[in-house]
Amino acid sequence: MTEVEFERLATAALTRIAETLERNLGEVADVDLLGGILTITLDRGGEYVINKHGPNRQIWLSSPRSGASHYGFDAARAAWIGTRSGRALADVLAEEFGPIASGPLTFD
């Protein structure tokens, strides 16, 4: 994957995630996307950071619930997949934010 492709795919993913969380977390979190870094601060405490990591062509997640994880783009699955877990980033986020969301979370 070229740097340009990575930037396009990662930016689109972060934008989708931010928009979905803004719609579904309502009053329980502050969602900010700035400069390729998405920060989600929960009112009940805890902060998530999701960002692009260009040198590795990955999206990185820092979660107060599950810790740190890295995701590379899998073209065959058209998804960001955990480098260690094999789980899709969208599935991890739906699981972590689902209990506080106002509805089902889908990041497609």
N, C-alpha and C. Protein backbone atom coordinates (compact mmCIF):
# COMPACT_ATOMS: atom_id res chain seq x y z
N MET A 1 0.84 -1.17 0.00
CA MET A 1 0.00 0.00 0.00
C MET A 1 0.89 1.24 0.00
N THR A 2 0.57 2.17 -0.86
CA THR A 2 1.34 3.41 -0.93
C THR A 2 0.93 4.33 0.21
N GLU A 3 1.75 5.33 0.44
CA GLU A 3 1.43 6.31 1.49
C GLU A 3 0.13 7.04 1.17
N VAL A 4 -0.07 7.36 -0.10
CA VAL A 4 -1.30 8.07 -0.51
C VAL A 4 -2.53 7.19 -0.27
N GLU A 5 -2.45 5.91 -0.60
CA GLU A 5 -3.56 4.99 -0.36
C GLU A 5 -3.83 4.86 1.13
N PHE A 6 -2.77 4.72 1.91
CA PHE A 6 -2.93 4.61 3.35
C PHE A 6 -3.63 5.85 3.91
N GLU A 7 -3.17 7.01 3.53
CA GLU A 7 -3.77 8.25 4.04
C GLU A 7 -5.24 8.33 3.69
N ARG A 8 -5.59 7.97 2.47
CA ARG A 8 -6.98 8.01 2.03
C ARG A 8 -7.84 7.04 2.85
N LEU A 9 -7.39 5.81 2.96
CA LEU A 9 -8.15 4.78 3.69
C LEU A 9 -8.23 5.08 5.18
N ALA A 10 -7.13 5.48 5.78
CA ALA A 10 -7.10 5.75 7.22
C ALA A 10 -7.93 6.98 7.57
N THR A 11 -7.84 8.02 6.75
CA THR A 11 -8.63 9.23 7.00
C THR A 11 -10.12 8.93 6.89
N ALA A 12 -10.49 8.15 5.87
CA ALA A 12 -11.90 7.77 5.71
C ALA A 12 -12.39 6.96 6.91
N ALA A 13 -11.56 6.03 7.38
CA ALA A 13 -11.94 5.21 8.53
C ALA A 13 -12.12 6.05 9.79
N LEU A 14 -11.17 6.92 10.06
CA LEU A 14 -11.27 7.77 11.26
C LEU A 14 -12.49 8.69 11.18
N THR A 15 -12.78 9.21 10.00
CA THR A 15 -13.94 10.07 9.82
C THR A 15 -15.23 9.30 10.08
N ARG A 16 -15.34 8.08 9.53
CA ARG A 16 -16.53 7.24 9.75
C ARG A 16 -16.70 6.92 11.23
N ILE A 17 -15.60 6.56 11.88
CA ILE A 17 -15.66 6.24 13.30
C ILE A 17 -16.12 7.45 14.10
N ALA A 18 -15.53 8.60 13.83
CA ALA A 18 -15.89 9.83 14.57
C ALA A 18 -17.36 10.17 14.36
N GLU A 19 -17.84 10.11 13.13
CA GLU A 19 -19.23 10.45 12.85
C GLU A 19 -20.19 9.48 13.53
N THR A 20 -19.86 8.20 13.49
CA THR A 20 -20.71 7.19 14.13
C THR A 20 -20.76 7.39 15.63
N LEU A 21 -19.61 7.63 16.24
CA LEU A 21 -19.58 7.82 17.69
C LEU A 21 -20.28 9.11 18.09
N GLU A 22 -20.12 10.17 17.32
CA GLU A 22 -20.81 11.43 17.64
C GLU A 22 -22.32 11.24 17.63
N ARG A 23 -22.82 10.48 16.65
CA ARG A 23 -24.26 10.24 16.55
C ARG A 23 -24.78 9.35 17.68
N ASN A 24 -23.99 8.39 18.10
CA ASN A 24 -24.49 7.36 19.01
C ASN A 24 -24.06 7.49 20.46
N LEU A 25 -23.10 8.34 20.75
CA LEU A 25 -22.69 8.49 22.14
C LEU A 25 -23.31 9.71 22.79
N GLY A 26 -23.92 10.55 21.97
CA GLY A 26 -24.69 11.68 22.48
C GLY A 26 -24.02 12.44 23.59
N GLU A 27 -24.66 12.41 24.74
CA GLU A 27 -24.22 13.21 25.88
C GLU A 27 -23.22 12.50 26.79
N VAL A 28 -22.80 11.28 26.43
CA VAL A 28 -21.94 10.52 27.35
C VAL A 28 -20.46 10.59 26.99
N ALA A 29 -20.13 11.31 25.91
CA ALA A 29 -18.72 11.38 25.50
C ALA A 29 -18.46 12.61 24.65
N ASP A 30 -17.21 13.03 24.67
CA ASP A 30 -16.75 14.12 23.81
C ASP A 30 -15.89 13.47 22.73
N VAL A 31 -16.26 13.66 21.46
CA VAL A 31 -15.56 13.05 20.34
C VAL A 31 -14.89 14.15 19.52
N ASP A 32 -13.56 14.08 19.38
CA ASP A 32 -12.81 15.09 18.63
C ASP A 32 -11.86 14.43 17.65
N LEU A 33 -11.95 14.83 16.38
CA LEU A 33 -11.02 14.38 15.35
C LEU A 33 -10.25 15.59 14.87
N LEU A 34 -8.94 15.56 15.09
CA LEU A 34 -8.10 16.69 14.72
C LEU A 34 -6.74 16.18 14.28
N GLY A 35 -6.33 16.51 13.07
CA GLY A 35 -5.00 16.16 12.59
C GLY A 35 -4.72 14.67 12.54
N GLY A 36 -5.73 13.88 12.23
CA GLY A 36 -5.54 12.44 12.15
C GLY A 36 -5.54 11.73 13.49
N ILE A 37 -5.93 12.44 14.52
CA ILE A 37 -6.01 11.85 15.86
C ILE A 37 -7.45 12.00 16.36
N LEU A 38 -8.07 10.86 16.66
CA LEU A 38 -9.43 10.85 17.17
C LEU A 38 -9.37 10.57 18.66
N THR A 39 -9.92 11.49 19.44
CA THR A 39 -9.94 11.35 20.90
C THR A 39 -11.39 11.26 21.36
N ILE A 40 -11.68 10.24 22.14
CA ILE A 40 -13.01 10.05 22.70
C ILE A 40 -12.86 10.06 24.21
N THR A 41 -13.42 11.08 24.84
CA THR A 41 -13.34 11.21 26.29
C THR A 41 -14.72 10.91 26.86
N LEU A 42 -14.79 9.88 27.68
CA LEU A 42 -16.05 9.48 28.27
C LEU A 42 -16.35 10.32 29.51
N ASP A 43 -17.60 10.74 29.64
CA ASP A 43 -18.00 11.53 30.80
C ASP A 43 -17.80 10.77 32.10
N ARG A 44 -17.96 9.45 32.06
CA ARG A 44 -17.81 8.64 33.28
C ARG A 44 -16.34 8.34 33.60
N GLY A 45 -15.44 8.84 32.76
CA GLY A 45 -14.01 8.63 32.95
C GLY A 45 -13.46 7.68 31.90
N GLY A 46 -12.27 7.95 31.48
CA GLY A 46 -11.60 7.13 30.48
C GLY A 46 -11.48 7.86 29.15
N GLU A 47 -10.39 7.62 28.48
CA GLU A 47 -10.15 8.27 27.20
C GLU A 47 -9.60 7.27 26.20
N TYR A 48 -10.16 7.29 25.01
CA TYR A 48 -9.70 6.49 23.88
C TYR A 48 -8.96 7.40 22.92
N VAL A 49 -7.90 6.88 22.33
CA VAL A 49 -7.21 7.61 21.27
C VAL A 49 -7.04 6.65 20.10
N ILE A 50 -7.48 7.09 18.93
CA ILE A 50 -7.34 6.31 17.70
C ILE A 50 -6.63 7.21 16.71
N ASN A 51 -5.50 6.73 16.17
CA ASN A 51 -4.74 7.59 15.27
C ASN A 51 -4.08 6.80 14.15
N LYS A 52 -3.72 7.54 13.12
CA LYS A 52 -2.99 6.97 11.98
C LYS A 52 -1.52 6.87 12.36
N HIS A 53 -0.90 5.77 11.97
CA HIS A 53 0.54 5.62 12.14
C HIS A 53 1.13 5.32 10.77
N GLY A 54 1.52 6.39 10.08
CA GLY A 54 1.99 6.31 8.71
C GLY A 54 3.17 5.39 8.46
N PRO A 55 4.22 5.45 9.28
CA PRO A 55 5.38 4.60 8.99
C PRO A 55 5.05 3.11 8.91
N ASN A 56 4.09 2.66 9.70
CA ASN A 56 3.71 1.25 9.70
C ASN A 56 2.47 0.98 8.86
N ARG A 57 1.85 2.05 8.33
CA ARG A 57 0.60 1.94 7.58
C ARG A 57 -0.47 1.25 8.43
N GLN A 58 -0.63 1.74 9.64
CA GLN A 58 -1.57 1.15 10.58
C GLN A 58 -2.41 2.23 11.25
N ILE A 59 -3.52 1.79 11.81
CA ILE A 59 -4.30 2.60 12.73
C ILE A 59 -4.05 2.03 14.12
N TRP A 60 -3.76 2.91 15.07
CA TRP A 60 -3.47 2.49 16.43
C TRP A 60 -4.62 2.89 17.34
N LEU A 61 -4.95 2.01 18.26
CA LEU A 61 -6.00 2.26 19.25
C LEU A 61 -5.41 2.17 20.64
N SER A 62 -5.69 3.18 21.45
CA SER A 62 -5.36 3.14 22.87
C SER A 62 -6.70 3.18 23.60
N SER A 63 -6.98 2.11 24.34
CA SER A 63 -8.27 1.97 25.00
C SER A 63 -8.07 1.78 26.50
N PRO A 64 -8.88 2.48 27.32
CA PRO A 64 -8.79 2.26 28.76
C PRO A 64 -9.32 0.88 29.16
N ARG A 65 -10.04 0.25 28.26
CA ARG A 65 -10.63 -1.06 28.54
C ARG A 65 -9.75 -2.21 28.07
N SER A 66 -9.23 -2.12 26.85
CA SER A 66 -8.49 -3.26 26.27
C SER A 66 -7.01 -2.98 26.04
N GLY A 67 -6.57 -1.77 26.31
CA GLY A 67 -5.16 -1.45 26.13
C GLY A 67 -4.84 -0.99 24.71
N ALA A 68 -3.61 -1.22 24.31
CA ALA A 68 -3.14 -0.75 23.00
C ALA A 68 -3.24 -1.88 21.98
N SER A 69 -3.62 -1.49 20.75
CA SER A 69 -3.66 -2.46 19.66
C SER A 69 -3.42 -1.73 18.34
N HIS A 70 -2.97 -2.50 17.36
CA HIS A 70 -2.62 -1.95 16.05
C HIS A 70 -3.40 -2.68 14.98
N TYR A 71 -3.80 -1.96 13.93
CA TYR A 71 -4.64 -2.51 12.88
C TYR A 71 -4.08 -2.16 11.50
N GLY A 72 -3.93 -3.17 10.67
CA GLY A 72 -3.50 -2.97 9.30
C GLY A 72 -4.68 -3.21 8.37
N PHE A 73 -4.64 -2.58 7.20
CA PHE A 73 -5.76 -2.73 6.28
C PHE A 73 -5.65 -4.04 5.52
N ASP A 74 -6.72 -4.80 5.54
CA ASP A 74 -6.81 -6.07 4.81
C ASP A 74 -7.74 -5.82 3.63
N ALA A 75 -7.17 -5.74 2.42
CA ALA A 75 -7.95 -5.43 1.23
C ALA A 75 -8.99 -6.51 0.94
N ALA A 76 -8.65 -7.76 1.18
CA ALA A 76 -9.59 -8.85 0.92
C ALA A 76 -10.85 -8.74 1.79
N ARG A 77 -10.69 -8.26 2.99
CA ARG A 77 -11.82 -8.10 3.92
C ARG A 77 -12.35 -6.67 3.92
N ALA A 78 -11.63 -5.77 3.25
CA ALA A 78 -11.98 -4.34 3.22
C ALA A 78 -12.20 -3.82 4.64
N ALA A 79 -11.25 -4.16 5.52
CA ALA A 79 -11.38 -3.77 6.93
C ALA A 79 -10.00 -3.61 7.56
N TRP A 80 -9.97 -2.85 8.64
CA TRP A 80 -8.76 -2.70 9.44
C TRP A 80 -8.75 -3.85 10.44
N ILE A 81 -7.72 -4.69 10.37
CA ILE A 81 -7.66 -5.93 11.13
C ILE A 81 -6.50 -5.88 12.13
N GLY A 82 -6.76 -6.32 13.35
CA GLY A 82 -5.75 -6.33 14.41
C GLY A 82 -4.56 -7.18 14.03
N THR A 83 -3.37 -6.62 14.23
CA THR A 83 -2.15 -7.34 13.86
C THR A 83 -1.89 -8.53 14.78
N ARG A 84 -2.40 -8.50 15.99
CA ARG A 84 -2.24 -9.63 16.92
C ARG A 84 -3.52 -10.42 17.10
N SER A 85 -4.63 -9.72 17.16
CA SER A 85 -5.90 -10.38 17.49
C SER A 85 -6.61 -10.97 16.27
N GLY A 86 -6.39 -10.37 15.11
CA GLY A 86 -7.12 -10.79 13.92
C GLY A 86 -8.55 -10.28 13.88
N ARG A 87 -8.92 -9.45 14.86
CA ARG A 87 -10.28 -8.88 14.93
C ARG A 87 -10.34 -7.56 14.18
N ALA A 88 -11.49 -7.30 13.60
CA ALA A 88 -11.71 -6.03 12.90
C ALA A 88 -11.83 -4.89 13.91
N LEU A 89 -11.24 -3.75 13.58
CA LEU A 89 -11.32 -2.57 14.43
C LEU A 89 -12.78 -2.20 14.68
N ALA A 90 -13.61 -2.28 13.66
CA ALA A 90 -15.03 -1.94 13.82
C ALA A 90 -15.70 -2.82 14.87
N ASP A 91 -15.35 -4.10 14.90
CA ASP A 91 -15.94 -5.02 15.88
C ASP A 91 -15.48 -4.69 17.29
N VAL A 92 -14.21 -4.36 17.44
CA VAL A 92 -13.67 -4.01 18.75
C VAL A 92 -14.36 -2.74 19.27
N LEU A 93 -14.49 -1.75 18.41
CA LEU A 93 -15.12 -0.49 18.84
C LEU A 93 -16.59 -0.70 19.17
N ALA A 94 -17.29 -1.50 18.38
CA ALA A 94 -18.71 -1.78 18.65
C ALA A 94 -18.86 -2.48 20.00
N GLU A 95 -17.94 -3.38 20.31
CA GLU A 95 -17.99 -4.08 21.59
C GLU A 95 -17.70 -3.14 22.76
N GLU A 96 -16.70 -2.28 22.59
CA GLU A 96 -16.31 -1.40 23.69
C GLU A 96 -17.30 -0.26 23.93
N PHE A 97 -17.85 0.30 22.85
CA PHE A 97 -18.76 1.43 23.00
C PHE A 97 -20.23 1.03 23.03
N GLY A 98 -20.54 -0.20 22.64
CA GLY A 98 -21.92 -0.67 22.57
C GLY A 98 -22.72 -0.47 23.85
N PRO A 99 -22.14 -0.79 25.01
CA PRO A 99 -22.92 -0.65 26.25
C PRO A 99 -23.34 0.78 26.59
N ILE A 100 -22.68 1.78 26.03
CA ILE A 100 -23.04 3.16 26.36
C ILE A 100 -23.66 3.90 25.17
N ALA A 101 -23.76 3.25 24.02
CA ALA A 101 -24.30 3.88 22.81
C ALA A 101 -25.82 3.94 22.87
N SER A 102 -26.37 4.88 22.12
CA SER A 102 -27.83 5.04 22.07
C SER A 102 -28.48 4.06 21.10
N GLY A 103 -27.68 3.33 20.35
CA GLY A 103 -28.19 2.36 19.39
C GLY A 103 -27.07 1.48 18.92
N PRO A 104 -27.37 0.54 18.02
CA PRO A 104 -26.34 -0.35 17.50
C PRO A 104 -25.26 0.44 16.75
N LEU A 105 -24.03 0.03 16.93
CA LEU A 105 -22.92 0.72 16.27
C LEU A 105 -22.47 -0.06 15.04
N THR A 106 -22.53 0.59 13.89
CA THR A 106 -21.97 0.02 12.67
C THR A 106 -21.09 1.10 12.04
N PHE A 107 -19.92 0.73 11.66
CA PHE A 107 -18.94 1.70 11.16
C PHE A 107 -18.72 1.60 9.66
N ASP A 108 -19.66 0.96 8.94
CA ASP A 108 -19.51 0.83 7.48
C ASP A 108 -19.99 2.06 6.77
